[in-house]
Amino acid sequence: MASSEIQQYLDATENRPVRGELRLAVSLVEGEKIAIDCGCGAGSDIDFLRSQGFQVCAFDIEPEAIARCNARFSGDTRVSLSVAEFQDFVYPSASLVVADASLFFCPHEHFAQVWEKICQCLPPGGVFVGSFLGAEDTMAGADFDRQAYWPDILVTDEAEIRQWFEQFNIVSFKENRASGEAPDGKPHQWHIYSVVAKKSP
């Protein structure tokens, strides 16, 4: 069973507003509309992608997240859902990969393999939109309760991220810092890098 913290996170993000980066990424997609949602959570991005005519293949490590999405998108044959970890998911060919607030939790020892799979599933002109965790985020700190969420936290910086995108033309790169309250009610300092990029020809 998902922890109470994960349940609260899913409740809080189920109907969150569509991020500007995702809208931008969708506007860049050419050709057949097939999206992969990595770490789909309660399905807010799937809902938007379906409204834009995408076929969506989505996965999440949390069975509770997929159970919610199965209920939410019941009968929609253009949504495919599975419980999977980043390194185990079979990435189909896609025109868009969405990885919002999810690659933070890819185990460090698997990230290179996962990133290669993501790059390979996108054809030239394919679009990636996602976010990465900076060192000043509360989740990167020693006091963050990793057992309540997920034990692996992938922390990076701008230079490393830009190296990962050598096969891409970066359309938007933003470093975001903000203070506020997490879904569990605890204070949180966010330090997030958001990227929209298009795979080079």
N, C-alpha and C. Protein backbone atom coordinates (compact mmCIF):
# COMPACT_ATOMS: atom_id res chain seq x y z
N MET A 1 0.85 -1.20 0.00
CA MET A 1 0.00 0.00 0.00
C MET A 1 0.88 1.24 0.00
N ALA A 2 0.46 2.25 -0.77
CA ALA A 2 1.20 3.50 -0.81
C ALA A 2 1.19 4.18 0.56
N SER A 3 2.29 4.85 0.90
CA SER A 3 2.35 5.56 2.17
C SER A 3 1.34 6.70 2.18
N SER A 4 1.05 7.22 3.38
CA SER A 4 0.10 8.33 3.48
C SER A 4 0.63 9.55 2.75
N GLU A 5 1.96 9.72 2.74
CA GLU A 5 2.55 10.87 2.03
C GLU A 5 2.31 10.75 0.52
N ILE A 6 2.47 9.54 -0.03
CA ILE A 6 2.23 9.34 -1.46
C ILE A 6 0.75 9.52 -1.78
N GLN A 7 -0.13 9.01 -0.91
CA GLN A 7 -1.56 9.21 -1.10
C GLN A 7 -1.90 10.70 -1.15
N GLN A 8 -1.31 11.47 -0.25
CA GLN A 8 -1.55 12.92 -0.23
C GLN A 8 -1.03 13.58 -1.49
N TYR A 9 0.13 13.11 -1.97
CA TYR A 9 0.70 13.67 -3.19
C TYR A 9 -0.23 13.40 -4.38
N LEU A 10 -0.72 12.18 -4.48
CA LEU A 10 -1.62 11.83 -5.59
C LEU A 10 -2.91 12.64 -5.51
N ASP A 11 -3.44 12.82 -4.30
CA ASP A 11 -4.65 13.63 -4.13
C ASP A 11 -4.41 15.07 -4.58
N ALA A 12 -3.25 15.61 -4.20
CA ALA A 12 -2.95 17.02 -4.47
C ALA A 12 -2.68 17.31 -5.94
N THR A 13 -2.19 16.30 -6.67
CA THR A 13 -1.78 16.54 -8.07
C THR A 13 -2.75 15.97 -9.10
N GLU A 14 -3.82 15.34 -8.65
CA GLU A 14 -4.74 14.67 -9.58
C GLU A 14 -5.33 15.61 -10.61
N ASN A 15 -5.62 16.84 -10.18
CA ASN A 15 -6.23 17.81 -11.09
C ASN A 15 -5.43 19.11 -11.15
N ARG A 16 -4.12 18.99 -11.08
CA ARG A 16 -3.29 20.19 -11.10
C ARG A 16 -3.37 20.88 -12.46
N PRO A 17 -3.15 22.19 -12.50
CA PRO A 17 -3.16 22.91 -13.78
C PRO A 17 -2.07 22.39 -14.71
N VAL A 18 -2.32 22.50 -16.00
CA VAL A 18 -1.34 22.05 -17.00
C VAL A 18 -0.16 23.01 -16.98
N ARG A 19 1.04 22.47 -16.91
CA ARG A 19 2.24 23.31 -16.89
C ARG A 19 2.49 23.91 -18.26
N GLY A 20 3.05 25.12 -18.25
CA GLY A 20 3.36 25.80 -19.51
C GLY A 20 4.35 25.03 -20.36
N GLU A 21 5.29 24.34 -19.69
CA GLU A 21 6.27 23.56 -20.44
C GLU A 21 5.62 22.43 -21.23
N LEU A 22 4.59 21.81 -20.66
CA LEU A 22 3.91 20.73 -21.38
C LEU A 22 3.14 21.30 -22.56
N ARG A 23 2.49 22.42 -22.38
CA ARG A 23 1.78 23.05 -23.50
C ARG A 23 2.75 23.39 -24.63
N LEU A 24 3.93 23.92 -24.26
CA LEU A 24 4.94 24.24 -25.26
C LEU A 24 5.39 22.98 -25.98
N ALA A 25 5.67 21.94 -25.24
CA ALA A 25 6.14 20.69 -25.84
C ALA A 25 5.12 20.14 -26.83
N VAL A 26 3.86 20.15 -26.45
CA VAL A 26 2.80 19.65 -27.33
C VAL A 26 2.75 20.44 -28.62
N SER A 27 2.97 21.75 -28.52
CA SER A 27 2.92 22.60 -29.72
C SER A 27 4.06 22.31 -30.69
N LEU A 28 5.12 21.66 -30.20
CA LEU A 28 6.29 21.37 -31.03
C LEU A 28 6.21 20.01 -31.73
N VAL A 29 5.26 19.18 -31.31
CA VAL A 29 5.18 17.82 -31.85
C VAL A 29 4.69 17.85 -33.29
N GLU A 30 5.39 17.09 -34.13
CA GLU A 30 5.02 16.97 -35.54
C GLU A 30 4.68 15.51 -35.83
N GLY A 31 3.78 15.29 -36.74
CA GLY A 31 3.45 13.93 -37.15
C GLY A 31 2.53 13.25 -36.16
N GLU A 32 2.63 11.91 -36.09
CA GLU A 32 1.74 11.10 -35.27
C GLU A 32 1.88 11.46 -33.79
N LYS A 33 0.75 11.60 -33.12
CA LYS A 33 0.75 12.02 -31.73
C LYS A 33 0.74 10.80 -30.80
N ILE A 34 1.95 10.39 -30.40
CA ILE A 34 2.10 9.29 -29.45
C ILE A 34 3.00 9.78 -28.32
N ALA A 35 2.51 9.71 -27.09
CA ALA A 35 3.26 10.22 -25.94
C ALA A 35 3.51 9.11 -24.93
N ILE A 36 4.65 9.19 -24.27
CA ILE A 36 4.97 8.35 -23.12
C ILE A 36 4.99 9.25 -21.90
N ASP A 37 4.22 8.90 -20.88
CA ASP A 37 4.22 9.65 -19.63
C ASP A 37 4.95 8.81 -18.59
N CYS A 38 6.16 9.25 -18.24
CA CYS A 38 7.01 8.53 -17.30
C CYS A 38 6.70 8.97 -15.87
N GLY A 39 6.17 8.07 -15.06
CA GLY A 39 5.79 8.45 -13.71
C GLY A 39 4.53 9.29 -13.76
N CYS A 40 3.44 8.69 -14.21
CA CYS A 40 2.23 9.45 -14.56
C CYS A 40 1.43 9.92 -13.36
N GLY A 41 1.71 9.38 -12.16
CA GLY A 41 0.95 9.81 -11.00
C GLY A 41 -0.54 9.55 -11.17
N ALA A 42 -1.35 10.50 -10.76
CA ALA A 42 -2.81 10.33 -10.81
C ALA A 42 -3.40 10.66 -12.17
N GLY A 43 -2.55 11.06 -13.13
CA GLY A 43 -3.04 11.17 -14.51
C GLY A 43 -3.38 12.55 -15.02
N SER A 44 -2.93 13.61 -14.35
CA SER A 44 -3.29 14.95 -14.83
C SER A 44 -2.71 15.24 -16.21
N ASP A 45 -1.47 14.81 -16.46
CA ASP A 45 -0.88 15.05 -17.78
C ASP A 45 -1.51 14.17 -18.85
N ILE A 46 -1.87 12.93 -18.47
CA ILE A 46 -2.56 12.06 -19.43
C ILE A 46 -3.86 12.73 -19.88
N ASP A 47 -4.59 13.29 -18.95
CA ASP A 47 -5.86 13.94 -19.27
C ASP A 47 -5.66 15.05 -20.30
N PHE A 48 -4.63 15.87 -20.09
CA PHE A 48 -4.36 16.95 -21.05
C PHE A 48 -3.93 16.39 -22.40
N LEU A 49 -3.04 15.41 -22.39
CA LEU A 49 -2.56 14.83 -23.64
C LEU A 49 -3.70 14.20 -24.45
N ARG A 50 -4.62 13.54 -23.77
CA ARG A 50 -5.77 12.98 -24.49
C ARG A 50 -6.62 14.08 -25.11
N SER A 51 -6.76 15.21 -24.39
CA SER A 51 -7.55 16.32 -24.93
C SER A 51 -6.91 16.92 -26.17
N GLN A 52 -5.60 16.67 -26.33
CA GLN A 52 -4.87 17.19 -27.49
C GLN A 52 -4.72 16.13 -28.58
N GLY A 53 -5.40 15.01 -28.43
CA GLY A 53 -5.41 13.99 -29.47
C GLY A 53 -4.29 12.98 -29.43
N PHE A 54 -3.58 12.89 -28.32
CA PHE A 54 -2.46 11.95 -28.21
C PHE A 54 -2.92 10.55 -27.79
N GLN A 55 -2.28 9.55 -28.34
CA GLN A 55 -2.30 8.22 -27.76
C GLN A 55 -1.24 8.23 -26.66
N VAL A 56 -1.55 7.69 -25.48
CA VAL A 56 -0.65 7.81 -24.34
C VAL A 56 -0.30 6.44 -23.78
N CYS A 57 0.99 6.19 -23.66
CA CYS A 57 1.51 5.03 -22.93
C CYS A 57 2.11 5.57 -21.63
N ALA A 58 1.56 5.16 -20.51
CA ALA A 58 1.98 5.74 -19.23
C ALA A 58 2.34 4.65 -18.23
N PHE A 59 3.29 4.96 -17.36
CA PHE A 59 3.65 4.01 -16.32
C PHE A 59 4.00 4.74 -15.04
N ASP A 60 3.93 4.02 -13.95
CA ASP A 60 4.31 4.56 -12.64
C ASP A 60 4.74 3.39 -11.77
N ILE A 61 5.65 3.65 -10.86
CA ILE A 61 6.12 2.62 -9.95
C ILE A 61 5.07 2.28 -8.90
N GLU A 62 4.13 3.20 -8.66
CA GLU A 62 3.14 3.03 -7.61
C GLU A 62 1.87 2.37 -8.14
N PRO A 63 1.52 1.18 -7.66
CA PRO A 63 0.25 0.56 -8.06
C PRO A 63 -0.96 1.44 -7.79
N GLU A 64 -0.92 2.22 -6.71
CA GLU A 64 -2.04 3.11 -6.39
C GLU A 64 -2.24 4.15 -7.49
N ALA A 65 -1.15 4.67 -8.04
CA ALA A 65 -1.25 5.65 -9.12
C ALA A 65 -1.91 5.04 -10.36
N ILE A 66 -1.49 3.84 -10.71
CA ILE A 66 -2.05 3.18 -11.89
C ILE A 66 -3.50 2.77 -11.64
N ALA A 67 -3.83 2.37 -10.42
CA ALA A 67 -5.23 2.05 -10.10
C ALA A 67 -6.12 3.27 -10.30
N ARG A 68 -5.64 4.43 -9.86
CA ARG A 68 -6.41 5.66 -10.06
C ARG A 68 -6.56 5.98 -11.53
N CYS A 69 -5.48 5.82 -12.29
CA CYS A 69 -5.55 6.11 -13.73
C CYS A 69 -6.44 5.11 -14.45
N ASN A 70 -6.41 3.85 -14.05
CA ASN A 70 -7.30 2.85 -14.66
C ASN A 70 -8.76 3.24 -14.46
N ALA A 71 -9.08 3.73 -13.28
CA ALA A 71 -10.45 4.18 -13.02
C ALA A 71 -10.77 5.44 -13.82
N ARG A 72 -9.83 6.33 -13.88
CA ARG A 72 -10.05 7.62 -14.54
C ARG A 72 -10.21 7.48 -16.05
N PHE A 73 -9.44 6.58 -16.65
CA PHE A 73 -9.45 6.45 -18.11
C PHE A 73 -10.06 5.12 -18.57
N SER A 74 -10.92 4.56 -17.74
CA SER A 74 -11.59 3.31 -18.07
C SER A 74 -12.33 3.44 -19.40
N GLY A 75 -12.10 2.49 -20.30
CA GLY A 75 -12.78 2.50 -21.59
C GLY A 75 -12.08 3.30 -22.67
N ASP A 76 -11.03 4.03 -22.30
CA ASP A 76 -10.28 4.82 -23.29
C ASP A 76 -9.20 3.92 -23.89
N THR A 77 -9.42 3.44 -25.09
CA THR A 77 -8.49 2.49 -25.71
C THR A 77 -7.19 3.13 -26.16
N ARG A 78 -7.11 4.45 -26.11
CA ARG A 78 -5.88 5.13 -26.53
C ARG A 78 -4.99 5.50 -25.33
N VAL A 79 -5.32 4.94 -24.18
CA VAL A 79 -4.48 5.08 -22.99
C VAL A 79 -4.04 3.69 -22.55
N SER A 80 -2.73 3.47 -22.50
CA SER A 80 -2.15 2.20 -22.05
C SER A 80 -1.39 2.45 -20.76
N LEU A 81 -1.69 1.68 -19.72
CA LEU A 81 -1.14 1.92 -18.39
C LEU A 81 -0.43 0.69 -17.86
N SER A 82 0.67 0.90 -17.14
CA SER A 82 1.37 -0.23 -16.53
C SER A 82 2.13 0.21 -15.29
N VAL A 83 2.25 -0.73 -14.34
CA VAL A 83 3.10 -0.52 -13.17
C VAL A 83 4.50 -0.95 -13.58
N ALA A 84 5.45 -0.03 -13.52
CA ALA A 84 6.81 -0.36 -13.95
C ALA A 84 7.79 0.66 -13.38
N GLU A 85 9.03 0.23 -13.26
CA GLU A 85 10.13 1.13 -12.93
C GLU A 85 10.76 1.64 -14.22
N PHE A 86 11.48 2.73 -14.14
CA PHE A 86 12.08 3.34 -15.33
C PHE A 86 12.89 2.34 -16.14
N GLN A 87 13.70 1.55 -15.44
CA GLN A 87 14.63 0.67 -16.14
C GLN A 87 13.94 -0.56 -16.72
N ASP A 88 12.72 -0.87 -16.29
CA ASP A 88 12.02 -2.06 -16.75
C ASP A 88 10.98 -1.78 -17.83
N PHE A 89 10.54 -0.54 -17.93
CA PHE A 89 9.50 -0.19 -18.90
C PHE A 89 10.04 -0.36 -20.33
N VAL A 90 9.20 -0.91 -21.20
CA VAL A 90 9.56 -1.04 -22.61
C VAL A 90 9.06 0.22 -23.34
N TYR A 91 9.99 1.06 -23.75
CA TYR A 91 9.64 2.36 -24.32
C TYR A 91 9.29 2.20 -25.81
N PRO A 92 8.02 2.42 -26.18
CA PRO A 92 7.67 2.34 -27.60
C PRO A 92 8.14 3.58 -28.35
N SER A 93 8.14 3.52 -29.65
CA SER A 93 8.46 4.71 -30.43
C SER A 93 7.41 5.77 -30.15
N ALA A 94 7.85 7.00 -29.92
CA ALA A 94 6.93 8.07 -29.52
C ALA A 94 7.41 9.40 -30.08
N SER A 95 6.47 10.32 -30.24
CA SER A 95 6.83 11.67 -30.68
C SER A 95 7.03 12.61 -29.51
N LEU A 96 6.62 12.18 -28.30
CA LEU A 96 6.73 13.03 -27.11
C LEU A 96 6.99 12.15 -25.89
N VAL A 97 7.98 12.52 -25.09
CA VAL A 97 8.22 11.89 -23.80
C VAL A 97 8.04 12.94 -22.72
N VAL A 98 7.18 12.63 -21.75
CA VAL A 98 6.90 13.51 -20.62
C VAL A 98 7.48 12.87 -19.37
N ALA A 99 8.31 13.62 -18.65
CA ALA A 99 8.90 13.11 -17.40
C ALA A 99 8.93 14.25 -16.38
N ASP A 100 7.74 14.60 -15.92
CA ASP A 100 7.61 15.73 -15.01
C ASP A 100 7.67 15.25 -13.56
N ALA A 101 8.67 15.72 -12.82
CA ALA A 101 8.83 15.37 -11.40
C ALA A 101 8.87 13.87 -11.20
N SER A 102 9.52 13.16 -12.13
CA SER A 102 9.58 11.71 -11.99
C SER A 102 11.00 11.17 -12.09
N LEU A 103 11.80 11.69 -13.00
CA LEU A 103 13.18 11.20 -13.14
C LEU A 103 14.01 11.46 -11.90
N PHE A 104 13.50 12.31 -10.98
CA PHE A 104 14.16 12.48 -9.68
C PHE A 104 14.37 11.13 -9.01
N PHE A 105 13.44 10.21 -9.28
CA PHE A 105 13.38 8.96 -8.52
C PHE A 105 13.91 7.77 -9.29
N CYS A 106 14.56 8.03 -10.40
CA CYS A 106 15.24 6.95 -11.12
C CYS A 106 16.52 6.62 -10.37
N PRO A 107 16.72 5.36 -9.98
CA PRO A 107 17.96 5.01 -9.28
C PRO A 107 19.19 5.44 -10.08
N HIS A 108 20.16 6.04 -9.39
CA HIS A 108 21.32 6.60 -10.07
C HIS A 108 22.03 5.58 -10.94
N GLU A 109 22.11 4.34 -10.46
CA GLU A 109 22.85 3.33 -11.21
C GLU A 109 22.13 2.92 -12.50
N HIS A 110 20.85 3.27 -12.63
CA HIS A 110 20.09 2.92 -13.84
C HIS A 110 19.88 4.10 -14.78
N PHE A 111 20.26 5.31 -14.34
CA PHE A 111 19.86 6.49 -15.11
C PHE A 111 20.44 6.49 -16.52
N ALA A 112 21.71 6.16 -16.68
CA ALA A 112 22.32 6.19 -18.02
C ALA A 112 21.57 5.27 -18.98
N GLN A 113 21.22 4.09 -18.51
CA GLN A 113 20.48 3.13 -19.33
C GLN A 113 19.08 3.67 -19.66
N VAL A 114 18.42 4.25 -18.67
CA VAL A 114 17.08 4.80 -18.88
C VAL A 114 17.12 5.97 -19.85
N TRP A 115 18.10 6.84 -19.68
CA TRP A 115 18.20 8.01 -20.56
C TRP A 115 18.46 7.57 -22.01
N GLU A 116 19.27 6.54 -22.19
CA GLU A 116 19.51 6.02 -23.53
C GLU A 116 18.22 5.50 -24.15
N LYS A 117 17.42 4.80 -23.36
CA LYS A 117 16.14 4.29 -23.86
C LYS A 117 15.20 5.43 -24.25
N ILE A 118 15.18 6.48 -23.45
CA ILE A 118 14.33 7.63 -23.76
C ILE A 118 14.79 8.27 -25.06
N CYS A 119 16.09 8.46 -25.21
CA CYS A 119 16.61 9.07 -26.43
C CYS A 119 16.32 8.20 -27.66
N GLN A 120 16.44 6.89 -27.50
CA GLN A 120 16.24 5.99 -28.62
C GLN A 120 14.78 5.91 -29.06
N CYS A 121 13.85 6.07 -28.13
CA CYS A 121 12.43 5.94 -28.49
C CYS A 121 11.91 7.16 -29.24
N LEU A 122 12.65 8.26 -29.18
CA LEU A 122 12.25 9.48 -29.89
C LEU A 122 12.94 9.54 -31.25
N PRO A 123 12.19 9.75 -32.33
CA PRO A 123 12.81 9.92 -33.64
C PRO A 123 13.36 11.34 -33.76
N PRO A 124 14.14 11.63 -34.79
CA PRO A 124 14.53 13.03 -35.03
C PRO A 124 13.29 13.92 -35.07
N GLY A 125 13.34 15.02 -34.35
CA GLY A 125 12.18 15.90 -34.25
C GLY A 125 11.27 15.57 -33.09
N GLY A 126 11.52 14.41 -32.43
CA GLY A 126 10.74 14.06 -31.25
C GLY A 126 11.03 15.01 -30.10
N VAL A 127 10.07 15.14 -29.19
CA VAL A 127 10.14 16.17 -28.14
C VAL A 127 10.20 15.52 -26.75
N PHE A 128 11.07 16.06 -25.91
CA PHE A 128 11.14 15.69 -24.50
C PHE A 128 10.73 16.89 -23.67
N VAL A 129 9.93 16.63 -22.64
CA VAL A 129 9.63 17.67 -21.64
C VAL A 129 9.70 17.02 -20.27
N GLY A 130 10.45 17.64 -19.38
CA GLY A 130 10.59 17.06 -18.06
C GLY A 130 11.35 17.95 -17.11
N SER A 131 11.57 17.44 -15.91
CA SER A 131 12.22 18.23 -14.88
C SER A 131 13.23 17.38 -14.12
N PHE A 132 14.19 18.08 -13.55
CA PHE A 132 15.30 17.45 -12.82
C PHE A 132 15.50 18.17 -11.50
N LEU A 133 16.06 17.47 -10.52
CA LEU A 133 16.15 17.99 -9.16
C LEU A 133 17.50 18.63 -8.90
N GLY A 134 17.47 19.86 -8.40
CA GLY A 134 18.69 20.57 -8.04
C GLY A 134 19.10 20.31 -6.60
N ALA A 135 20.34 20.66 -6.28
CA ALA A 135 20.93 20.33 -4.97
C ALA A 135 20.30 21.10 -3.81
N GLU A 136 19.62 22.23 -4.09
CA GLU A 136 19.05 23.03 -3.02
C GLU A 136 17.61 22.62 -2.69
N ASP A 137 17.08 21.62 -3.36
CA ASP A 137 15.72 21.17 -3.07
C ASP A 137 15.69 20.40 -1.76
N THR A 138 14.59 20.53 -1.03
CA THR A 138 14.44 19.81 0.24
C THR A 138 14.64 18.32 0.06
N MET A 139 14.19 17.78 -1.07
CA MET A 139 14.32 16.33 -1.30
C MET A 139 15.77 15.89 -1.44
N ALA A 140 16.65 16.82 -1.76
CA ALA A 140 18.07 16.49 -1.90
C ALA A 140 18.79 16.48 -0.57
N GLY A 141 18.14 16.97 0.48
CA GLY A 141 18.79 17.10 1.77
C GLY A 141 18.79 15.81 2.59
N ALA A 142 19.66 15.76 3.56
CA ALA A 142 19.81 14.57 4.40
C ALA A 142 18.61 14.34 5.30
N ASP A 143 17.82 15.39 5.59
CA ASP A 143 16.70 15.27 6.51
C ASP A 143 15.41 14.83 5.82
N PHE A 144 15.41 14.73 4.49
CA PHE A 144 14.19 14.35 3.78
C PHE A 144 13.87 12.87 4.04
N ASP A 145 12.62 12.59 4.36
CA ASP A 145 12.20 11.22 4.69
C ASP A 145 12.02 10.41 3.41
N ARG A 146 13.10 9.82 2.95
CA ARG A 146 13.05 9.09 1.68
C ARG A 146 12.24 7.81 1.77
N GLN A 147 12.16 7.23 2.94
CA GLN A 147 11.40 5.99 3.07
C GLN A 147 9.91 6.23 2.95
N ALA A 148 9.46 7.43 3.24
CA ALA A 148 8.03 7.74 3.12
C ALA A 148 7.62 7.88 1.66
N TYR A 149 8.58 8.22 0.81
CA TYR A 149 8.30 8.38 -0.61
C TYR A 149 9.04 7.28 -1.37
N TRP A 150 10.20 7.60 -1.91
CA TRP A 150 11.00 6.62 -2.64
C TRP A 150 12.46 6.80 -2.20
N PRO A 151 13.21 5.72 -2.03
CA PRO A 151 14.54 5.83 -1.42
C PRO A 151 15.59 6.45 -2.31
N ASP A 152 15.42 6.38 -3.64
CA ASP A 152 16.44 6.89 -4.55
C ASP A 152 16.09 8.31 -5.00
N ILE A 153 17.02 9.23 -4.80
CA ILE A 153 16.83 10.61 -5.23
C ILE A 153 18.00 10.98 -6.15
N LEU A 154 17.69 11.36 -7.37
CA LEU A 154 18.71 11.72 -8.35
C LEU A 154 18.86 13.24 -8.37
N VAL A 155 20.00 13.72 -7.93
CA VAL A 155 20.28 15.16 -7.85
C VAL A 155 21.29 15.52 -8.93
N THR A 156 21.08 16.67 -9.58
CA THR A 156 21.95 17.05 -10.69
C THR A 156 22.13 18.57 -10.72
N ASP A 157 22.81 19.03 -11.77
CA ASP A 157 23.00 20.47 -11.93
C ASP A 157 22.91 20.82 -13.42
N GLU A 158 22.96 22.10 -13.73
CA GLU A 158 22.75 22.54 -15.11
C GLU A 158 23.77 21.96 -16.08
N ALA A 159 25.03 21.96 -15.69
CA ALA A 159 26.07 21.47 -16.60
C ALA A 159 25.84 20.01 -16.96
N GLU A 160 25.49 19.20 -15.98
CA GLU A 160 25.26 17.77 -16.24
C GLU A 160 24.04 17.58 -17.12
N ILE A 161 22.97 18.33 -16.84
CA ILE A 161 21.75 18.21 -17.65
C ILE A 161 22.04 18.54 -19.10
N ARG A 162 22.76 19.61 -19.33
CA ARG A 162 23.05 20.01 -20.72
C ARG A 162 23.87 18.94 -21.46
N GLN A 163 24.70 18.23 -20.73
CA GLN A 163 25.44 17.13 -21.34
C GLN A 163 24.48 16.02 -21.79
N TRP A 164 23.47 15.77 -21.00
CA TRP A 164 22.50 14.73 -21.35
C TRP A 164 21.76 15.07 -22.65
N PHE A 165 21.65 16.35 -22.94
CA PHE A 165 20.86 16.78 -24.10
C PHE A 165 21.72 17.09 -25.33
N GLU A 166 22.84 16.40 -25.44
CA GLU A 166 23.71 16.63 -26.60
C GLU A 166 23.03 16.25 -27.91
N GLN A 167 22.09 15.32 -27.88
CA GLN A 167 21.38 14.90 -29.08
C GLN A 167 20.17 15.78 -29.39
N PHE A 168 19.97 16.83 -28.61
CA PHE A 168 18.76 17.64 -28.71
C PHE A 168 19.08 19.12 -28.94
N ASN A 169 18.11 19.79 -29.48
CA ASN A 169 18.11 21.25 -29.47
C ASN A 169 17.21 21.69 -28.31
N ILE A 170 17.78 22.38 -27.35
CA ILE A 170 17.01 22.81 -26.18
C ILE A 170 16.17 24.03 -26.55
N VAL A 171 14.86 23.90 -26.39
CA VAL A 171 13.92 24.98 -26.71
C VAL A 171 13.70 25.87 -25.49
N SER A 172 13.62 25.26 -24.32
CA SER A 172 13.39 26.01 -23.08
C SER A 172 14.16 25.34 -21.95
N PHE A 173 14.90 26.14 -21.18
CA PHE A 173 15.64 25.64 -20.03
C PHE A 173 15.43 26.64 -18.90
N LYS A 174 14.79 26.20 -17.82
CA LYS A 174 14.51 27.10 -16.70
C LYS A 174 14.98 26.48 -15.39
N GLU A 175 15.60 27.29 -14.56
CA GLU A 175 15.95 26.89 -13.21
C GLU A 175 14.97 27.57 -12.27
N ASN A 176 14.21 26.78 -11.52
CA ASN A 176 13.13 27.32 -10.69
C ASN A 176 13.42 27.09 -9.21
N ARG A 177 13.32 28.16 -8.44
CA ARG A 177 13.43 28.08 -6.99
C ARG A 177 12.19 28.69 -6.37
N ALA A 178 11.64 28.00 -5.38
CA ALA A 178 10.44 28.52 -4.70
C ALA A 178 10.36 27.88 -3.32
N SER A 179 9.71 28.59 -2.40
CA SER A 179 9.46 28.06 -1.06
C SER A 179 7.96 27.94 -0.87
N GLY A 180 7.56 26.92 -0.14
CA GLY A 180 6.13 26.75 0.11
C GLY A 180 5.87 25.55 0.98
N GLU A 181 4.69 24.97 0.78
CA GLU A 181 4.26 23.84 1.58
C GLU A 181 4.01 22.64 0.69
N ALA A 182 4.58 21.50 1.05
CA ALA A 182 4.38 20.26 0.30
C ALA A 182 2.98 19.72 0.59
N PRO A 183 2.49 18.74 -0.22
CA PRO A 183 1.17 18.17 0.02
C PRO A 183 0.97 17.59 1.41
N ASP A 184 2.07 17.18 2.07
CA ASP A 184 1.93 16.64 3.43
C ASP A 184 1.90 17.73 4.50
N GLY A 185 1.90 19.00 4.05
CA GLY A 185 1.81 20.12 4.98
C GLY A 185 3.13 20.61 5.52
N LYS A 186 4.21 19.97 5.16
CA LYS A 186 5.53 20.37 5.65
C LYS A 186 6.13 21.45 4.75
N PRO A 187 6.95 22.36 5.31
CA PRO A 187 7.61 23.36 4.47
C PRO A 187 8.56 22.70 3.48
N HIS A 188 8.64 23.30 2.31
CA HIS A 188 9.46 22.70 1.25
C HIS A 188 10.15 23.80 0.46
N GLN A 189 11.41 23.57 0.14
CA GLN A 189 12.17 24.44 -0.75
C GLN A 189 12.35 23.71 -2.07
N TRP A 190 11.80 24.27 -3.14
CA TRP A 190 11.94 23.63 -4.44
C TRP A 190 13.13 24.20 -5.20
N HIS A 191 13.85 23.30 -5.85
CA HIS A 191 14.94 23.69 -6.76
C HIS A 191 14.87 22.72 -7.93
N ILE A 192 14.25 23.19 -9.01
CA ILE A 192 13.90 22.32 -10.14
C ILE A 192 14.42 22.92 -11.44
N TYR A 193 14.96 22.06 -12.28
CA TYR A 193 15.32 22.44 -13.64
C TYR A 193 14.26 21.88 -14.59
N SER A 194 13.65 22.74 -15.38
CA SER A 194 12.63 22.30 -16.35
C SER A 194 13.17 22.44 -17.76
N VAL A 195 12.99 21.40 -18.56
CA VAL A 195 13.58 21.36 -19.89
C VAL A 195 12.52 20.95 -20.93
N VAL A 196 12.51 21.68 -22.04
CA VAL A 196 11.78 21.27 -23.24
C VAL A 196 12.81 21.22 -24.36
N ALA A 197 12.91 20.07 -25.03
CA ALA A 197 13.95 19.92 -26.05
C ALA A 197 13.44 19.06 -27.21
N LYS A 198 14.00 19.32 -28.36
CA LYS A 198 13.61 18.61 -29.57
C LYS A 198 14.82 17.86 -30.10
N LYS A 199 14.64 16.58 -30.39
CA LYS A 199 15.77 15.76 -30.83
C LYS A 199 16.26 16.24 -32.19
N SER A 200 17.56 16.34 -32.30
CA SER A 200 18.18 16.87 -33.53
C SER A 200 17.96 15.93 -34.70
N PRO A 201 17.93 16.45 -35.92
CA PRO A 201 17.80 15.61 -37.12
C PRO A 201 18.96 14.64 -37.26
